[in-house]
Amino acid sequence: MGIKEYDVFVIGTGTAGKNVAYDCAAEGMRVAIADNREFGGTCANRGCDPKKVLVGITETLQLAENLQGKGITNIPEVNWEALQQFKSTFTNAVPAATEKKLKKAGIAMYHQSPTFLDENTLSVEGKTVRAKKIVIATGQKPRELKIPGRSHLLTSDDFMELPKLPEELIFIGAGYVGMEFAHIAARCGASVTVIEFEDRPLAQFEETVVSYLTEASEALGINFIFNAEVTKVEKLRKNYRVHFRKDGKKESVTTRMVFNTAGRVPAIDALDLKKGNVAFEKKGIKVNEYLQSPTNASVYACGDVSASGSLPLTPTSSQEARIVSKNIRNGNRTKMDFPPVPSVVFTFPQLASIGLTEAEAKAQGYTISVKSKSVPDWYNAKQINEDTYAFKTIIDTERNLVLGAHIIAPHASEMINLFVVAMCGKLQCKDIKAMIFAYPTWGNDIKGMV
């Protein structure tokens, strides 16, 4: 059986990979794509999209609780099974729909993770294929905790498919996933404990704003154990015991389920990158300004798996895919140049951020002014009886430009988009204040934040 030849072979069918494949196929190139999981990638199948469905019902619950006695007489009850069935209406069709679209575009499909044989040759499904260009877009996977009993740990994939929510559960790690899932589980009635190695959640976010989220989470009933290193997970008859070390002392806590939410790492283990002469590091595939491998010019990487320096988010994956597809089709003419990128933690209230923290701005030598305030007395919070509403903005005083914006609010995810416009458009604070927004809206509040 002969070696299959392609112009472009894409590894990964998520946002980044499939977009490169579509672009190149539309140019008449011979394109193939492979995935060792269901086609469509993490975001659509088991990540941000279905997660937001689960988040949606908790927002309804919290609003009802806020307004109980102020027009709401009964708090709704959650049917977890029905919620999971509703979520599945968003995910069940994704793999087949993705494959149908790829087939229509004339893209060959492989259902296995390829391995490199040399710089331009791969082994996949027992076949040998050769490609002029190879695109690695395999995304990330949960970081394994190398502790005794780690086989007892569940992952975010398992949480998304839980047929029944346990009465109590533990999340190891207070990053995006741990915090979002903790809020979902707690609002749906579970007793939740979060164990975190650092002294607070969400270490990469502005500390002042995160403190408000921590307080709101504790008020919800979430129990935090900070500065704790998990050392072992032990299976009991019905429960699990999680052992950890805190302040030099050995402690433990028992629960019905334990989830590893201690971060994600590049999904590159199965690729045999050394045979392909593809350099990699802790954060993923090494790339140059064209998102091309510096050690193998035939290879590009985009999305969460690339060590490009951008945030591992779906919008940045799409942006990186556009850069890679242009450079494959037109030669290396398009350099990586990202605008300010917003980031959101979909708890309730939401935490949203863009740009620099105060510490980062000072470290980079900016002359800054900082506006930081808790504002539950502002109208939009009062009209839904929400106690947690705060912001922190960092302004470059020399240019009167926003360097960073950090918000905790029920609709922070939408509010931060207005700061995206302001920062990308290099609008001065006086320009933002001069704008007329619809009132009363959450967006209008940003004028009071600069």
Protein backbone atom coordinates (compact mmCIF):
# COMPACT_ATOMS: atom_id res chain seq x y z
CA MET A 1 0.00 0.00 0.00
CA GLY A 2 1.50 3.33 -1.11
CA ILE A 3 2.20 6.37 1.01
CA LYS A 4 -0.61 8.94 1.00
CA GLU A 5 0.55 12.43 0.01
CA TYR A 6 -1.06 15.66 1.24
CA ASP A 7 -0.29 19.33 0.95
CA VAL A 8 -1.46 19.92 4.53
CA PHE A 9 -2.05 17.49 7.38
CA VAL A 10 -3.81 18.95 10.43
CA ILE A 11 -3.68 17.23 13.82
CA GLY A 12 -6.69 18.28 15.89
CA THR A 13 -10.29 19.10 14.92
CA GLY A 14 -11.02 21.91 17.37
CA THR A 15 -11.48 25.59 16.56
CA ALA A 16 -7.88 26.09 15.40
CA GLY A 17 -7.33 22.88 13.46
CA LYS A 18 -10.54 22.71 11.48
CA ASN A 19 -10.35 26.38 10.45
CA VAL A 20 -6.87 25.88 8.99
CA ALA A 21 -8.14 22.77 7.19
CA TYR A 22 -11.14 24.58 5.70
CA ASP A 23 -9.04 27.53 4.51
CA CYS A 24 -6.43 25.35 2.84
CA ALA A 25 -9.01 23.04 1.23
CA ALA A 26 -10.82 26.08 -0.18
CA GLU A 27 -7.56 26.99 -1.95
CA GLY A 28 -7.55 23.62 -3.70
CA MET A 29 -4.93 22.01 -1.50
CA ARG A 30 -5.01 18.30 -0.63
CA VAL A 31 -5.87 18.36 3.07
CA ALA A 32 -6.24 15.71 5.76
CA ILE A 33 -7.19 16.05 9.40
CA ALA A 34 -6.92 13.68 12.36
CA ASP A 35 -8.21 13.44 15.93
CA ASN A 36 -8.06 10.72 18.56
CA ARG A 37 -11.32 11.92 20.13
CA GLU A 38 -14.72 12.93 18.81
CA PHE A 39 -14.41 15.53 16.06
CA GLY A 40 -15.12 19.16 16.96
CA GLY A 41 -12.61 19.79 19.74
CA THR A 42 -12.80 20.58 23.43
CA CYS A 43 -14.75 23.85 23.37
CA ALA A 44 -17.79 22.55 21.48
CA ASN A 45 -17.88 19.00 22.88
CA ARG A 46 -16.75 19.17 26.49
CA GLY A 47 -15.54 22.69 27.25
CA CYS A 48 -16.72 26.27 27.18
CA ASP A 49 -19.94 25.80 25.19
CA PRO A 50 -21.62 23.03 27.23
CA LYS A 51 -20.17 24.47 30.44
CA LYS A 52 -21.99 27.74 29.77
CA VAL A 53 -25.26 25.78 29.54
CA LEU A 54 -24.71 24.51 33.08
CA VAL A 55 -23.70 28.01 34.20
CA GLY A 56 -26.88 29.48 32.74
CA ILE A 57 -29.21 27.70 35.14
CA THR A 58 -27.12 28.72 38.14
CA GLU A 59 -27.43 32.36 37.12
CA THR A 60 -31.20 31.93 37.16
CA LEU A 61 -31.01 30.33 40.59
CA GLN A 62 -28.90 33.13 42.02
CA LEU A 63 -31.12 35.87 40.63
CA ALA A 64 -34.16 34.15 42.12
CA GLU A 65 -32.42 33.93 45.49
CA ASN A 66 -31.36 37.59 45.33
CA LEU A 67 -34.95 38.62 44.73
CA GLN A 68 -36.65 36.27 47.15
CA GLY A 69 -39.10 38.31 49.20
CA LYS A 70 -38.86 41.13 46.66
CA GLY A 71 -41.33 39.65 44.22
CA ILE A 72 -39.98 36.10 44.06
CA THR A 73 -41.78 33.77 46.46
CA ASN A 74 -40.25 30.38 45.66
CA ILE A 75 -36.70 29.43 44.66
CA PRO A 76 -36.68 27.07 41.64
CA GLU A 77 -35.44 23.51 42.14
CA VAL A 78 -32.75 22.00 39.94
CA ASN A 79 -33.29 18.76 38.05
CA TRP A 80 -29.69 17.80 37.27
CA GLU A 81 -30.69 15.00 34.90
CA ALA A 82 -32.91 17.33 32.86
CA LEU A 83 -30.14 19.94 32.82
CA GLN A 84 -27.68 17.39 31.46
CA GLN A 85 -30.20 16.36 28.81
CA PHE A 86 -30.59 20.01 27.78
CA LYS A 87 -26.81 20.39 27.64
CA SER A 88 -26.56 17.33 25.40
CA THR A 89 -28.72 19.05 22.77
CA PHE A 90 -25.76 21.37 22.23
CA THR A 91 -23.11 18.66 22.10
CA ASN A 92 -24.55 15.44 20.68
CA ALA A 93 -24.66 16.64 17.09
CA VAL A 94 -21.21 18.28 17.07
CA PRO A 95 -19.00 15.32 16.03
CA ALA A 96 -21.22 14.15 13.15
CA ALA A 97 -21.86 17.71 11.96
CA THR A 98 -18.13 18.44 12.00
CA GLU A 99 -17.31 15.32 10.00
CA LYS A 100 -20.07 16.08 7.49
CA LYS A 101 -18.71 19.57 6.90
CA LEU A 102 -15.13 18.32 6.58
CA LYS A 103 -16.21 15.66 4.09
CA LYS A 104 -18.11 18.25 2.05
CA ALA A 105 -14.95 20.36 1.92
CA GLY A 106 -13.04 17.41 0.49
CA ILE A 107 -10.87 16.90 3.56
CA ALA A 108 -9.67 13.36 4.34
CA MET A 109 -10.32 12.27 7.92
CA TYR A 110 -8.39 10.02 10.28
CA HIS A 111 -9.62 8.90 13.70
CA GLN A 112 -6.38 8.46 15.56
CA SER A 113 -3.56 10.59 16.94
CA PRO A 114 -0.70 10.49 14.41
CA THR A 115 2.93 10.04 15.38
CA PHE A 116 5.89 11.56 13.58
CA LEU A 117 8.20 9.24 11.66
CA ASP A 118 10.37 12.08 10.33
CA GLU A 119 9.99 15.79 9.58
CA ASN A 120 7.29 15.32 6.92
CA THR A 121 6.01 11.81 7.56
CA LEU A 122 3.37 10.56 9.96
CA SER A 123 1.96 7.20 10.97
CA VAL A 124 -1.79 7.18 11.49
CA GLU A 125 -4.36 4.36 11.54
CA GLY A 126 -1.58 1.97 10.54
CA LYS A 127 -0.93 4.00 7.40
CA THR A 128 2.04 6.12 6.44
CA VAL A 129 1.26 9.62 5.19
CA ARG A 130 3.49 12.40 3.99
CA ALA A 131 2.65 16.11 4.00
CA LYS A 132 4.35 19.27 2.79
CA LYS A 133 2.97 21.11 5.81
CA ILE A 134 1.87 19.67 9.14
CA VAL A 135 -0.25 21.70 11.56
CA ILE A 136 -0.36 20.74 15.22
CA ALA A 137 -3.59 21.91 16.86
CA THR A 138 -4.14 19.27 19.52
CA GLY A 139 -5.11 21.67 22.32
CA GLN A 140 -4.62 20.88 25.98
CA LYS A 141 -5.56 18.13 28.42
CA PRO A 142 -5.90 17.97 32.23
CA ARG A 143 -2.54 18.06 34.00
CA GLU A 144 -1.91 14.77 35.75
CA LEU A 145 -1.30 14.96 39.47
CA LYS A 146 1.52 12.51 40.10
CA ILE A 147 0.40 11.37 43.52
CA PRO A 148 -0.62 7.99 44.96
CA GLY A 149 -4.27 7.30 44.20
CA ARG A 150 -4.38 9.59 41.17
CA SER A 151 -6.44 6.96 39.31
CA HIS A 152 -9.34 7.88 41.60
CA LEU A 153 -9.36 11.48 40.36
CA LEU A 154 -12.03 12.56 37.90
CA THR A 155 -11.57 15.35 35.35
CA SER A 156 -13.61 18.15 33.84
CA ASP A 157 -14.80 15.71 31.16
CA ASP A 158 -16.34 13.54 33.88
CA PHE A 159 -18.02 16.50 35.58
CA MET A 160 -19.62 17.56 32.32
CA GLU A 161 -21.18 14.10 31.94
CA LEU A 162 -22.22 13.43 35.56
CA PRO A 163 -25.58 11.61 35.43
CA LYS A 164 -26.20 12.58 39.06
CA LEU A 165 -24.65 15.33 41.17
CA PRO A 166 -23.12 13.91 44.37
CA GLU A 167 -24.01 15.38 47.74
CA GLU A 168 -20.41 16.44 48.32
CA LEU A 169 -17.33 16.79 46.17
CA ILE A 170 -13.82 18.21 46.14
CA PHE A 171 -12.02 20.14 43.42
CA ILE A 172 -8.23 20.11 43.52
CA GLY A 173 -7.25 23.45 41.98
CA ALA A 174 -8.89 26.88 42.05
CA GLY A 175 -8.26 28.04 38.50
CA TYR A 176 -10.88 28.76 35.84
CA VAL A 177 -12.30 25.23 35.76
CA GLY A 178 -12.21 24.60 39.50
CA MET A 179 -13.93 27.87 40.35
CA GLU A 180 -16.58 27.60 37.64
CA PHE A 181 -17.45 24.00 38.50
CA ALA A 182 -17.45 24.78 42.22
CA HIS A 183 -20.06 27.50 41.66
CA ILE A 184 -22.17 25.22 39.47
CA ALA A 185 -22.10 22.36 41.96
CA ALA A 186 -22.71 24.53 45.03
CA ARG A 187 -25.70 26.30 43.50
CA CYS A 188 -27.14 22.98 42.41
CA GLY A 189 -27.08 21.76 46.00
CA ALA A 190 -23.74 20.00 46.55
CA SER A 191 -21.38 20.58 49.46
CA VAL A 192 -18.16 21.80 47.81
CA THR A 193 -14.55 22.00 48.98
CA VAL A 194 -11.76 23.50 46.87
CA ILE A 195 -8.14 22.67 47.70
CA GLU A 196 -5.58 25.08 46.25
CA PHE A 197 -1.77 25.10 46.38
CA GLU A 198 -1.61 28.92 46.25
CA ASP A 199 -2.92 31.32 48.90
CA ARG A 200 -5.93 32.35 46.78
CA PRO A 201 -7.92 31.35 43.70
CA LEU A 202 -7.11 32.49 40.16
CA ALA A 203 -3.52 33.56 40.78
CA GLN A 204 -3.17 35.14 37.33
CA PHE A 205 -6.01 37.62 37.96
CA GLU A 206 -5.94 40.95 39.78
CA GLU A 207 -5.80 40.08 43.47
CA THR A 208 -8.10 42.86 44.68
CA VAL A 209 -10.98 41.78 42.45
CA VAL A 210 -10.43 38.08 43.12
CA SER A 211 -10.82 38.75 46.85
CA TYR A 212 -14.44 39.78 46.24
CA LEU A 213 -15.06 36.55 44.33
CA THR A 214 -13.53 34.54 47.17
CA GLU A 215 -15.88 36.20 49.66
CA ALA A 216 -18.89 35.61 47.41
CA SER A 217 -17.87 31.97 46.97
CA GLU A 218 -17.55 31.43 50.71
CA ALA A 219 -20.96 33.06 51.22
CA LEU A 220 -22.31 30.51 48.74
CA GLY A 221 -20.99 27.77 51.02
CA ILE A 222 -17.81 26.81 49.16
CA ASN A 223 -15.07 25.76 51.58
CA PHE A 224 -11.55 26.75 50.55
CA ILE A 225 -8.36 25.11 51.77
CA PHE A 226 -5.48 27.32 50.60
CA ASN A 227 -1.71 26.79 50.78
CA ALA A 228 -2.34 23.07 50.65
CA GLU A 229 -0.41 20.44 48.72
CA VAL A 230 -2.43 17.30 47.95
CA THR A 231 -0.27 14.24 48.62
CA LYS A 232 -2.56 11.24 48.20
CA VAL A 233 -6.11 10.16 47.38
CA GLU A 234 -7.38 7.10 49.23
CA LYS A 235 -10.40 4.98 48.28
CA LEU A 236 -12.71 4.15 51.17
CA ARG A 237 -15.82 1.97 51.08
CA LYS A 238 -18.12 4.66 49.65
CA ASN A 239 -16.05 7.80 49.87
CA TYR A 240 -12.57 9.07 49.13
CA ARG A 241 -10.08 10.59 51.53
CA VAL A 242 -7.89 13.37 50.19
CA HIS A 243 -4.64 13.80 52.07
CA PHE A 244 -2.80 17.12 51.97
CA ARG A 245 -0.02 19.03 53.67
CA LYS A 246 -0.74 22.51 55.01
CA ASP A 247 1.52 24.66 57.18
CA GLY A 248 3.81 21.70 57.62
CA LYS A 249 1.00 19.53 59.01
CA LYS A 250 -0.62 16.48 57.46
CA GLU A 251 -4.40 16.76 57.15
CA SER A 252 -7.20 15.03 55.25
CA VAL A 253 -10.82 15.44 54.21
CA THR A 254 -13.36 12.91 52.93
CA THR A 255 -15.87 13.28 50.11
CA ARG A 256 -17.96 11.32 47.59
CA MET A 257 -16.06 12.46 44.47
CA VAL A 258 -12.74 14.16 43.76
CA PHE A 259 -11.99 16.17 40.64
CA ASN A 260 -8.59 17.17 39.34
CA THR A 261 -8.93 20.81 38.25
CA ALA A 262 -5.26 21.65 38.78
CA GLY A 263 -4.73 23.11 35.34
CA ARG A 264 -4.17 21.90 31.79
CA VAL A 265 -1.08 21.05 29.77
CA PRO A 266 -0.35 20.78 26.03
CA ALA A 267 -1.63 17.54 24.49
CA ILE A 268 1.59 16.48 22.78
CA ASP A 269 2.65 13.25 24.50
CA ALA A 270 1.38 10.93 21.75
CA LEU A 271 2.98 12.76 18.80
CA ASP A 272 6.61 11.58 19.12
CA LEU A 273 7.78 15.11 18.35
CA LYS A 274 11.48 14.32 18.60
CA LYS A 275 11.28 12.11 15.52
CA GLY A 276 9.71 15.03 13.69
CA ASN A 277 12.44 17.42 14.89
CA VAL A 278 9.69 19.57 16.45
CA ALA A 279 10.89 21.59 19.45
CA PHE A 280 8.59 21.91 22.42
CA GLU A 281 8.58 23.28 25.96
CA LYS A 282 6.41 23.21 29.06
CA LYS A 283 3.82 25.54 27.49
CA GLY A 284 3.61 23.64 24.20
CA ILE A 285 5.07 23.62 20.70
CA LYS A 286 7.80 26.22 20.25
CA VAL A 287 6.91 28.66 17.48
CA ASN A 288 8.36 31.77 15.86
CA GLU A 289 6.50 34.96 14.97
CA TYR A 290 4.81 33.13 12.07
CA LEU A 291 3.61 30.33 14.39
CA GLN A 292 6.07 28.03 12.63
CA SER A 293 8.37 25.55 14.33
CA PRO A 294 11.90 27.00 14.52
CA THR A 295 13.39 23.52 14.14
CA ASN A 296 11.13 22.08 11.41
CA ALA A 297 9.96 24.60 8.81
CA SER A 298 7.26 22.19 7.61
CA VAL A 299 5.42 22.35 10.94
CA TYR A 300 3.11 25.04 12.34
CA ALA A 301 1.22 25.06 15.62
CA CYS A 302 -1.87 27.01 16.61
CA GLY A 303 -4.41 27.13 19.40
CA ASP A 304 -3.87 26.10 23.00
CA VAL A 305 -1.01 23.74 22.12
CA SER A 306 1.27 26.47 20.75
CA ALA A 307 3.71 28.22 23.06
CA SER A 308 2.92 31.51 21.35
CA GLY A 309 2.47 33.50 24.55
CA SER A 310 -1.22 34.14 23.92
CA LEU A 311 -3.94 33.06 26.35
CA PRO A 312 -5.32 29.54 25.76
CA LEU A 313 -8.79 30.72 24.75
CA THR A 314 -11.10 29.92 21.84
CA PRO A 315 -10.91 33.45 20.30
CA THR A 316 -7.09 33.38 20.34
CA SER A 317 -7.17 29.89 18.79
CA SER A 318 -9.24 31.28 15.94
CA GLN A 319 -6.79 34.16 15.51
CA GLU A 320 -3.81 31.82 15.46
CA ALA A 321 -5.58 29.59 12.92
CA ARG A 322 -5.99 32.58 10.58
CA ILE A 323 -2.29 33.38 10.89
CA VAL A 324 -1.22 29.80 10.18
CA SER A 325 -3.56 29.32 7.23
CA LYS A 326 -2.37 32.57 5.64
CA ASN A 327 1.27 31.63 6.06
CA ILE A 328 0.75 28.16 4.61
CA ARG A 329 -1.17 29.52 1.62
CA ASN A 330 0.84 32.68 0.96
CA GLY A 331 4.24 32.08 2.50
CA ASN A 332 5.35 33.57 5.79
CA ARG A 333 3.98 37.09 5.47
CA THR A 334 1.66 37.32 8.47
CA LYS A 335 3.24 37.75 11.89
CA MET A 336 1.61 37.05 15.21
CA ASP A 337 0.29 40.33 16.59
CA PHE A 338 -2.50 40.04 19.13
CA PRO A 339 -4.68 42.90 20.31
CA PRO A 340 -5.61 43.08 24.01
CA VAL A 341 -7.40 39.85 24.89
CA PRO A 342 -10.18 39.65 27.51
CA SER A 343 -10.52 36.71 29.86
CA VAL A 344 -13.63 35.67 31.80
CA VAL A 345 -14.30 33.30 34.69
CA PHE A 346 -17.94 32.24 34.42
CA THR A 347 -18.76 32.06 38.09
CA PHE A 348 -21.60 34.15 39.45
CA PRO A 349 -20.83 36.97 39.69
CA GLN A 350 -18.52 36.73 36.69
CA LEU A 351 -14.93 37.85 36.90
CA ALA A 352 -13.56 39.53 33.76
CA SER A 353 -10.18 40.98 32.99
CA ILE A 354 -8.21 42.59 30.19
CA GLY A 355 -4.74 44.09 30.02
CA LEU A 356 -2.31 44.58 32.87
CA THR A 357 -2.73 44.11 36.59
CA GLU A 358 -1.47 46.88 38.88
CA ALA A 359 1.67 44.89 39.69
CA GLU A 360 2.39 44.24 36.01
CA ALA A 361 1.93 47.90 35.08
CA LYS A 362 4.36 49.00 37.79
CA ALA A 363 6.87 46.32 36.78
CA GLN A 364 6.76 47.59 33.19
CA GLY A 365 7.54 51.11 34.32
CA TYR A 366 4.27 52.86 33.56
CA THR A 367 3.20 55.94 35.49
CA ILE A 368 -0.27 54.91 36.58
CA SER A 369 -3.35 55.89 38.48
CA VAL A 370 -5.54 53.18 39.94
CA LYS A 371 -9.28 53.33 40.47
CA SER A 372 -10.56 50.52 42.66
CA LYS A 373 -13.97 50.39 44.27
CA SER A 374 -16.75 48.14 45.52
CA VAL A 375 -20.04 49.46 44.15
CA PRO A 376 -23.04 47.36 45.22
CA ASP A 377 -24.87 50.67 45.69
CA TRP A 378 -24.79 51.38 41.93
CA TYR A 379 -28.23 51.05 40.37
CA ASN A 380 -27.63 47.95 38.26
CA ALA A 381 -26.54 45.92 41.30
CA LYS A 382 -29.32 47.30 43.50
CA GLN A 383 -32.08 46.47 41.03
CA ILE A 384 -31.22 42.77 41.24
CA ASN A 385 -30.18 42.97 44.90
CA GLU A 386 -26.62 41.82 44.17
CA ASP A 387 -24.10 42.45 46.92
CA THR A 388 -20.94 41.73 44.92
CA TYR A 389 -19.99 44.34 42.35
CA ALA A 390 -16.49 45.82 42.13
CA PHE A 391 -13.86 46.95 39.67
CA LYS A 392 -10.25 47.99 39.36
CA THR A 393 -8.88 49.97 36.44
CA ILE A 394 -5.27 50.86 35.75
CA ILE A 395 -4.69 54.05 33.75
CA ASP A 396 -1.53 55.25 32.03
CA THR A 397 -1.53 58.84 33.30
CA GLU A 398 0.88 60.09 30.63
CA ARG A 399 -1.38 59.06 27.74
CA ASN A 400 -4.72 58.87 29.62
CA LEU A 401 -5.22 55.32 28.27
CA VAL A 402 -6.61 52.23 29.96
CA LEU A 403 -3.84 49.69 30.62
CA GLY A 404 -6.01 47.19 32.45
CA ALA A 405 -9.60 46.64 33.53
CA HIS A 406 -10.80 44.08 36.06
CA ILE A 407 -14.47 43.62 36.95
CA ILE A 408 -16.56 41.36 39.14
CA ALA A 409 -20.25 41.69 38.29
CA PRO A 410 -23.19 39.59 37.07
CA HIS A 411 -22.52 40.75 33.49
CA ALA A 412 -18.79 41.37 33.62
CA SER A 413 -18.28 39.26 30.49
CA GLU A 414 -20.23 41.76 28.39
CA MET A 415 -18.84 44.83 30.15
CA ILE A 416 -15.25 43.78 29.47
CA ASN A 417 -15.96 43.78 25.72
CA LEU A 418 -16.44 47.54 25.88
CA PHE A 419 -12.97 47.84 27.37
CA VAL A 420 -11.72 45.72 24.45
CA VAL A 421 -13.09 48.33 22.06
CA ALA A 422 -11.62 51.16 24.11
CA MET A 423 -8.18 49.60 24.37
CA CYS A 424 -7.97 48.38 20.78
CA GLY A 425 -9.15 51.78 19.58
CA LYS A 426 -6.73 53.55 21.95
CA LEU A 427 -9.58 55.66 23.30
CA GLN A 428 -8.57 58.04 26.05
CA CYS A 429 -10.54 57.98 29.30
CA LYS A 430 -12.10 61.33 28.42
CA ASP A 431 -13.38 59.81 25.15
CA ILE A 432 -15.02 56.93 27.03
CA LYS A 433 -16.67 59.32 29.47
CA ALA A 434 -17.94 61.46 26.59
CA MET A 435 -19.79 58.57 24.96
CA ILE A 436 -23.53 58.19 25.43
CA PHE A 437 -24.59 54.64 26.27
CA ALA A 438 -28.11 53.32 26.78
CA TYR A 439 -29.26 53.75 30.38
CA PRO A 440 -29.73 51.98 32.70
CA THR A 441 -27.36 49.31 31.40
CA TRP A 442 -24.31 47.54 32.79
CA GLY A 443 -22.29 48.88 29.87
CA ASN A 444 -23.03 52.44 30.88
CA ASP A 445 -21.30 51.77 34.20
CA ILE A 446 -17.85 51.59 32.62
CA LYS A 447 -17.89 55.40 32.37
CA GLY A 448 -17.67 55.45 36.15
CA MET A 449 -14.70 53.07 36.08
CA VAL A 450 -12.23 55.33 34.24
